Amino acid sequence: MKLTRVCIYPKDVQRITGKSEKASRRLLQKIKDNMGKEQHQFITTDDFANYTGIQNSLVQEYLTE
């Protein structure tokens, strides 16, 4: 079984959406605010997929090791 990463970072958002790094950081902050997460908490692929409406399987394809 291959383990995949579950956390989303700005570089991943850039690859998935084509947005700039700053716009990607803002989007991740919006997701955190919307979900009531604290600053030290991570955004998961499920969180990102639910917020953006992109299928989780597609999000996983864009994650790199």
PDB file of N, CA and C in Angstrom:
ATOM      1  N   MET A   1       0.835  -1.175   0.000  1.00  0.00           N
ATOM      2  CA  MET A   1       0.000   0.000   0.000  1.00  0.00           C
ATOM      3  C   MET A   1       0.887   1.248   0.000  1.00  0.00           C
ATOM      4  N   LYS A   2       0.616   2.155  -0.934  1.00  0.00           N
ATOM      5  CA  LYS A   2       1.402   3.375  -1.040  1.00  0.00           C
ATOM      6  C   LYS A   2       0.787   4.464  -0.173  1.00  0.00           C
ATOM      7  N   LEU A   3       1.588   5.038   0.695  1.00  0.00           N
ATOM      8  CA  LEU A   3       1.116   6.136   1.534  1.00  0.00           C
ATOM      9  C   LEU A   3       1.203   7.444   0.759  1.00  0.00           C
ATOM     10  N   THR A   4       0.172   8.255   0.889  1.00  0.00           N
ATOM     11  CA  THR A   4       0.194   9.567   0.241  1.00  0.00           C
ATOM     12  C   THR A   4       0.041  10.643   1.303  1.00  0.00           C
ATOM     13  N   ARG A   5       0.465  11.817   0.950  1.00  0.00           N
ATOM     14  CA  ARG A   5       0.381  12.952   1.847  1.00  0.00           C
ATOM     15  C   ARG A   5      -1.077  13.364   2.009  1.00  0.00           C
ATOM     16  N   VAL A   6      -1.450  13.851   3.185  1.00  0.00           N
ATOM     17  CA  VAL A   6      -2.829  14.271   3.430  1.00  0.00           C
ATOM     18  C   VAL A   6      -2.944  15.778   3.628  1.00  0.00           C
ATOM     19  N   CYS A   7      -1.826  16.472   3.795  1.00  0.00           N
ATOM     20  CA  CYS A   7      -1.850  17.919   4.018  1.00  0.00           C
ATOM     21  C   CYS A   7      -1.624  18.660   2.708  1.00  0.00           C
ATOM     22  N   ILE A   8      -2.304  19.794   2.582  1.00  0.00           N
ATOM     23  CA  ILE A   8      -2.197  20.630   1.386  1.00  0.00           C
ATOM     24  C   ILE A   8      -1.357  21.858   1.719  1.00  0.00           C
ATOM     25  N   TYR A   9      -0.430  22.188   0.841  1.00  0.00           N
ATOM     26  CA  TYR A   9       0.432  23.347   0.999  1.00  0.00           C
ATOM     27  C   TYR A   9       0.211  24.307  -0.174  1.00  0.00           C
ATOM     28  N   PRO A  10       0.656  25.558  -0.051  1.00  0.00           N
ATOM     29  CA  PRO A  10       0.436  26.528  -1.128  1.00  0.00           C
ATOM     30  C   PRO A  10       0.940  26.060  -2.496  1.00  0.00           C
ATOM     31  N   LYS A  11       2.065  25.375  -2.526  1.00  0.00           N
ATOM     32  CA  LYS A  11       2.599  24.887  -3.805  1.00  0.00           C
ATOM     33  C   LYS A  11       1.628  23.896  -4.459  1.00  0.00           C
ATOM     34  N   ASP A  12       0.965  23.078  -3.648  1.00  0.00           N
ATOM     35  CA  ASP A  12      -0.021  22.143  -4.179  1.00  0.00           C
ATOM     36  C   ASP A  12      -1.210  22.898  -4.774  1.00  0.00           C
ATOM     37  N   VAL A  13      -1.656  23.933  -4.059  1.00  0.00           N
ATOM     38  CA  VAL A  13      -2.787  24.739  -4.538  1.00  0.00           C
ATOM     39  C   VAL A  13      -2.409  25.406  -5.866  1.00  0.00           C
ATOM     40  N   GLN A  14      -1.164  25.859  -5.977  1.00  0.00           N
ATOM     41  CA  GLN A  14      -0.694  26.457  -7.224  1.00  0.00           C
ATOM     42  C   GLN A  14      -0.798  25.458  -8.378  1.00  0.00           C
ATOM     43  N   ARG A  15      -0.345  24.238  -8.147  1.00  0.00           N
ATOM     44  CA  ARG A  15      -0.389  23.204  -9.185  1.00  0.00           C
ATOM     45  C   ARG A  15      -1.817  22.869  -9.592  1.00  0.00           C
ATOM     46  N   ILE A  16      -2.701  22.788  -8.602  1.00  0.00           N
ATOM     47  CA  ILE A  16      -4.083  22.385  -8.859  1.00  0.00           C
ATOM     48  C   ILE A  16      -4.875  23.496  -9.545  1.00  0.00           C
ATOM     49  N   THR A  17      -4.726  24.737  -9.074  1.00  0.00           N
ATOM     50  CA  THR A  17      -5.583  25.820  -9.544  1.00  0.00           C
ATOM     51  C   THR A  17      -4.928  26.760 -10.555  1.00  0.00           C
ATOM     52  N   GLY A  18      -3.604  26.784 -10.578  1.00  0.00           N
ATOM     53  CA  GLY A  18      -2.911  27.718 -11.460  1.00  0.00           C
ATOM     54  C   GLY A  18      -2.807  29.112 -10.858  1.00  0.00           C
ATOM     55  N   LYS A  19      -3.169  29.266  -9.595  1.00  0.00           N
ATOM     56  CA  LYS A  19      -3.098  30.567  -8.920  1.00  0.00           C
ATOM     57  C   LYS A  19      -1.662  30.867  -8.491  1.00  0.00           C
ATOM     58  N   SER A  20      -1.398  32.121  -8.178  1.00  0.00           N
ATOM     59  CA  SER A  20      -0.084  32.513  -7.678  1.00  0.00           C
ATOM     60  C   SER A  20       0.106  31.983  -6.262  1.00  0.00           C
ATOM     61  N   GLU A  21       1.335  32.102  -5.758  1.00  0.00           N
ATOM     62  CA  GLU A  21       1.607  31.626  -4.399  1.00  0.00           C
ATOM     63  C   GLU A  21       0.812  32.428  -3.370  1.00  0.00           C
ATOM     64  N   LYS A  22       0.754  33.750  -3.558  1.00  0.00           N
ATOM     65  CA  LYS A  22       0.032  34.588  -2.605  1.00  0.00           C
ATOM     66  C   LYS A  22      -1.461  34.267  -2.615  1.00  0.00           C
ATOM     67  N   ALA A  23      -2.033  34.075  -3.793  1.00  0.00           N
ATOM     68  CA  ALA A  23      -3.456  33.726  -3.899  1.00  0.00           C
ATOM     69  C   ALA A  23      -3.711  32.348  -3.290  1.00  0.00           C
ATOM     70  N   SER A  24      -2.753  31.447  -3.438  1.00  0.00           N
ATOM     71  CA  SER A  24      -2.879  30.106  -2.863  1.00  0.00           C
ATOM     72  C   SER A  24      -2.865  30.165  -1.345  1.00  0.00           C
ATOM     73  N   ARG A  25      -2.004  31.002  -0.787  1.00  0.00           N
ATOM     74  CA  ARG A  25      -1.953  31.172   0.666  1.00  0.00           C
ATOM     75  C   ARG A  25      -3.257  31.767   1.192  1.00  0.00           C
ATOM     76  N   ARG A  26      -3.797  32.751   0.453  1.00  0.00           N
ATOM     77  CA  ARG A  26      -5.075  33.353   0.850  1.00  0.00           C
ATOM     78  C   ARG A  26      -6.202  32.329   0.826  1.00  0.00           C
ATOM     79  N   LEU A  27      -6.218  31.475  -0.200  1.00  0.00           N
ATOM     80  CA  LEU A  27      -7.248  30.449  -0.295  1.00  0.00           C
ATOM     81  C   LEU A  27      -7.157  29.485   0.881  1.00  0.00           C
ATOM     82  N   LEU A  28      -5.951  29.054   1.228  1.00  0.00           N
ATOM     83  CA  LEU A  28      -5.784  28.151   2.373  1.00  0.00           C
ATOM     84  C   LEU A  28      -6.238  28.838   3.664  1.00  0.00           C
ATOM     85  N   GLN A  29      -5.975  30.144   3.788  1.00  0.00           N
ATOM     86  CA  GLN A  29      -6.415  30.874   4.976  1.00  0.00           C
ATOM     87  C   GLN A  29      -7.940  30.961   5.016  1.00  0.00           C
ATOM     88  N   LYS A  30      -8.570  31.178   3.865  1.00  0.00           N
ATOM     89  CA  LYS A  30     -10.039  31.210   3.800  1.00  0.00           C
ATOM     90  C   LYS A  30     -10.625  29.877   4.238  1.00  0.00           C
ATOM     91  N   ILE A  31      -9.996  28.784   3.791  1.00  0.00           N
ATOM     92  CA  ILE A  31     -10.477  27.450   4.171  1.00  0.00           C
ATOM     93  C   ILE A  31     -10.358  27.272   5.673  1.00  0.00           C
ATOM     94  N   LYS A  32      -9.216  27.679   6.250  1.00  0.00           N
ATOM     95  CA  LYS A  32      -9.032  27.579   7.704  1.00  0.00           C
ATOM     96  C   LYS A  32     -10.092  28.379   8.444  1.00  0.00           C
ATOM     97  N   ASP A  33     -10.319  29.603   7.994  1.00  0.00           N
ATOM     98  CA  ASP A  33     -11.310  30.465   8.642  1.00  0.00           C
ATOM     99  C   ASP A  33     -12.699  29.849   8.542  1.00  0.00           C
ATOM    100  N   ASN A  34     -13.039  29.338   7.370  1.00  0.00           N
ATOM    101  CA  ASN A  34     -14.355  28.750   7.127  1.00  0.00           C
ATOM    102  C   ASN A  34     -14.589  27.516   7.988  1.00  0.00           C
ATOM    103  N   MET A  35     -13.545  26.751   8.212  1.00  0.00           N
ATOM    104  CA  MET A  35     -13.677  25.502   8.966  1.00  0.00           C
ATOM    105  C   MET A  35     -13.388  25.681  10.450  1.00  0.00           C
ATOM    106  N   GLY A  36     -13.069  26.894  10.867  1.00  0.00           N
ATOM    107  CA  GLY A  36     -12.811  27.154  12.274  1.00  0.00           C
ATOM    108  C   GLY A  36     -11.520  26.549  12.780  1.00  0.00           C
ATOM    109  N   LYS A  37     -10.546  26.383  11.892  1.00  0.00           N
ATOM    110  CA  LYS A  37      -9.266  25.813  12.316  1.00  0.00           C
ATOM    111  C   LYS A  37      -8.373  26.913  12.862  1.00  0.00           C
ATOM    112  N   GLU A  38      -7.493  26.528  13.762  1.00  0.00           N
ATOM    113  CA  GLU A  38      -6.541  27.471  14.334  1.00  0.00           C
ATOM    114  C   GLU A  38      -5.323  27.572  13.428  1.00  0.00           C
ATOM    115  N   GLN A  39      -4.501  28.592  13.671  1.00  0.00           N
ATOM    116  CA  GLN A  39      -3.358  28.883  12.810  1.00  0.00           C
ATOM    117  C   GLN A  39      -2.388  27.704  12.683  1.00  0.00           C
ATOM    118  N   HIS A  40      -2.197  26.940  13.761  1.00  0.00           N
ATOM    119  CA  HIS A  40      -1.223  25.852  13.740  1.00  0.00           C
ATOM    120  C   HIS A  40      -1.758  24.573  13.097  1.00  0.00           C
ATOM    121  N   GLN A  41      -3.050  24.533  12.783  1.00  0.00           N
ATOM    122  CA  GLN A  41      -3.646  23.328  12.220  1.00  0.00           C
ATOM    123  C   GLN A  41      -3.486  23.287  10.702  1.00  0.00           C
ATOM    124  N   PHE A  42      -3.450  22.067  10.169  1.00  0.00           N
ATOM    125  CA  PHE A  42      -3.237  21.855   8.743  1.00  0.00           C
ATOM    126  C   PHE A  42      -4.555  21.730   7.993  1.00  0.00           C
ATOM    127  N   ILE A  43      -4.502  21.980   6.672  1.00  0.00           N
ATOM    128  CA  ILE A  43      -5.625  21.744   5.776  1.00  0.00           C
ATOM    129  C   ILE A  43      -5.376  20.392   5.119  1.00  0.00           C
ATOM    130  N   THR A  44      -6.355  19.502   5.202  1.00  0.00           N
ATOM    131  CA  THR A  44      -6.217  18.178   4.595  1.00  0.00           C
ATOM    132  C   THR A  44      -6.761  18.197   3.172  1.00  0.00           C
ATOM    133  N   THR A  45      -6.471  17.135   2.450  1.00  0.00           N
ATOM    134  CA  THR A  45      -6.998  17.019   1.091  1.00  0.00           C
ATOM    135  C   THR A  45      -8.523  16.977   1.120  1.00  0.00           C
ATOM    136  N   ASP A  46      -9.099  16.359   2.136  1.00  0.00           N
ATOM    137  CA  ASP A  46     -10.559  16.328   2.267  1.00  0.00           C
ATOM    138  C   ASP A  46     -11.118  17.736   2.484  1.00  0.00           C
ATOM    139  N   ASP A  47     -10.471  18.512   3.360  1.00  0.00           N
ATOM    140  CA  ASP A  47     -10.902  19.889   3.611  1.00  0.00           C
ATOM    141  C   ASP A  47     -10.881  20.697   2.310  1.00  0.00           C
ATOM    142  N   PHE A  48      -9.771  20.580   1.589  1.00  0.00           N
ATOM    143  CA  PHE A  48      -9.604  21.328   0.338  1.00  0.00           C
ATOM    144  C   PHE A  48     -10.639  20.898  -0.694  1.00  0.00           C
ATOM    145  N   ALA A  49     -10.835  19.605  -0.836  1.00  0.00           N
ATOM    146  CA  ALA A  49     -11.794  19.086  -1.817  1.00  0.00           C
ATOM    147  C   ALA A  49     -13.215  19.533  -1.485  1.00  0.00           C
ATOM    148  N   ASN A  50     -13.593  19.450  -0.220  1.00  0.00           N
ATOM    149  CA  ASN A  50     -14.938  19.869   0.184  1.00  0.00           C
ATOM    150  C   ASN A  50     -15.164  21.350  -0.067  1.00  0.00           C
ATOM    151  N   TYR A  51     -14.174  22.185   0.239  1.00  0.00           N
ATOM    152  CA  TYR A  51     -14.324  23.632   0.078  1.00  0.00           C
ATOM    153  C   TYR A  51     -14.382  24.037  -1.391  1.00  0.00           C
ATOM    154  N   THR A  52     -13.522  23.443  -2.219  1.00  0.00           N
ATOM    155  CA  THR A  52     -13.423  23.859  -3.619  1.00  0.00           C
ATOM    156  C   THR A  52     -14.381  23.124  -4.535  1.00  0.00           C
ATOM    157  N   GLY A  53     -14.875  21.965  -4.102  1.00  0.00           N
ATOM    158  CA  GLY A  53     -15.753  21.180  -4.965  1.00  0.00           C
ATOM    159  C   GLY A  53     -14.992  20.295  -5.933  1.00  0.00           C
ATOM    160  N   ILE A  54     -13.682  20.214  -5.780  1.00  0.00           N
ATOM    161  CA  ILE A  54     -12.858  19.345  -6.617  1.00  0.00           C
ATOM    162  C   ILE A  54     -12.820  17.967  -5.962  1.00  0.00           C
ATOM    163  N   GLN A  55     -12.944  16.934  -6.756  1.00  0.00           N
ATOM    164  CA  GLN A  55     -12.931  15.573  -6.202  1.00  0.00           C
ATOM    165  C   GLN A  55     -11.604  15.299  -5.507  1.00  0.00           C
ATOM    166  N   ASN A  56     -11.680  14.616  -4.366  1.00  0.00           N
ATOM    167  CA  ASN A  56     -10.478  14.311  -3.588  1.00  0.00           C
ATOM    168  C   ASN A  56      -9.491  13.477  -4.401  1.00  0.00           C
ATOM    169  N   SER A  57      -9.983  12.586  -5.235  1.00  0.00           N
ATOM    170  CA  SER A  57      -9.090  11.754  -6.047  1.00  0.00           C
ATOM    171  C   SER A  57      -8.266  12.617  -7.009  1.00  0.00           C
ATOM    172  N   LEU A  58      -8.865  13.676  -7.541  1.00  0.00           N
ATOM    173  CA  LEU A  58      -8.120  14.585  -8.421  1.00  0.00           C
ATOM    174  C   LEU A  58      -7.088  15.382  -7.633  1.00  0.00           C
ATOM    175  N   VAL A  59      -7.448  15.804  -6.448  1.00  0.00           N
ATOM    176  CA  VAL A  59      -6.510  16.535  -5.595  1.00  0.00           C
ATOM    177  C   VAL A  59      -5.299  15.646  -5.303  1.00  0.00           C
ATOM    178  N   GLN A  60      -5.539  14.396  -4.956  1.00  0.00           N
ATOM    179  CA  GLN A  60      -4.454  13.457  -4.633  1.00  0.00           C
ATOM    180  C   GLN A  60      -3.498  13.274  -5.809  1.00  0.00           C
ATOM    181  N   GLU A  61      -4.018  13.318  -7.026  1.00  0.00           N
ATOM    182  CA  GLU A  61      -3.159  13.131  -8.213  1.00  0.00           C
ATOM    183  C   GLU A  61      -2.113  14.238  -8.333  1.00  0.00           C
ATOM    184  N   TYR A  62      -2.424  15.423  -7.844  1.00  0.00           N
ATOM    185  CA  TYR A  62      -1.524  16.571  -7.974  1.00  0.00           C
ATOM    186  C   TYR A  62      -0.494  16.669  -6.855  1.00  0.00           C
ATOM    187  N   LEU A  63      -0.628  15.861  -5.819  1.00  0.00           N
ATOM    188  CA  LEU A  63       0.333  15.911  -4.716  1.00  0.00           C
ATOM    189  C   LEU A  63       1.621  15.222  -5.118  1.00  0.00           C
ATOM    190  N   THR A  64       2.730  15.841  -4.777  1.00  0.00           N
ATOM    191  CA  THR A  64       4.025  15.242  -5.067  1.00  0.00           C
ATOM    192  C   THR A  64       4.685  14.865  -3.752  1.00  0.00           C
ATOM    193  N   GLU A  65       5.588  13.970  -3.836  1.00  0.00           N
ATOM    194  CA  GLU A  65       6.280  13.475  -2.642  1.00  0.00           C
ATOM    195  C   GLU A  65       7.146  14.557  -2.035  1.00  0.00           C
TER     196      GLU A  65
END
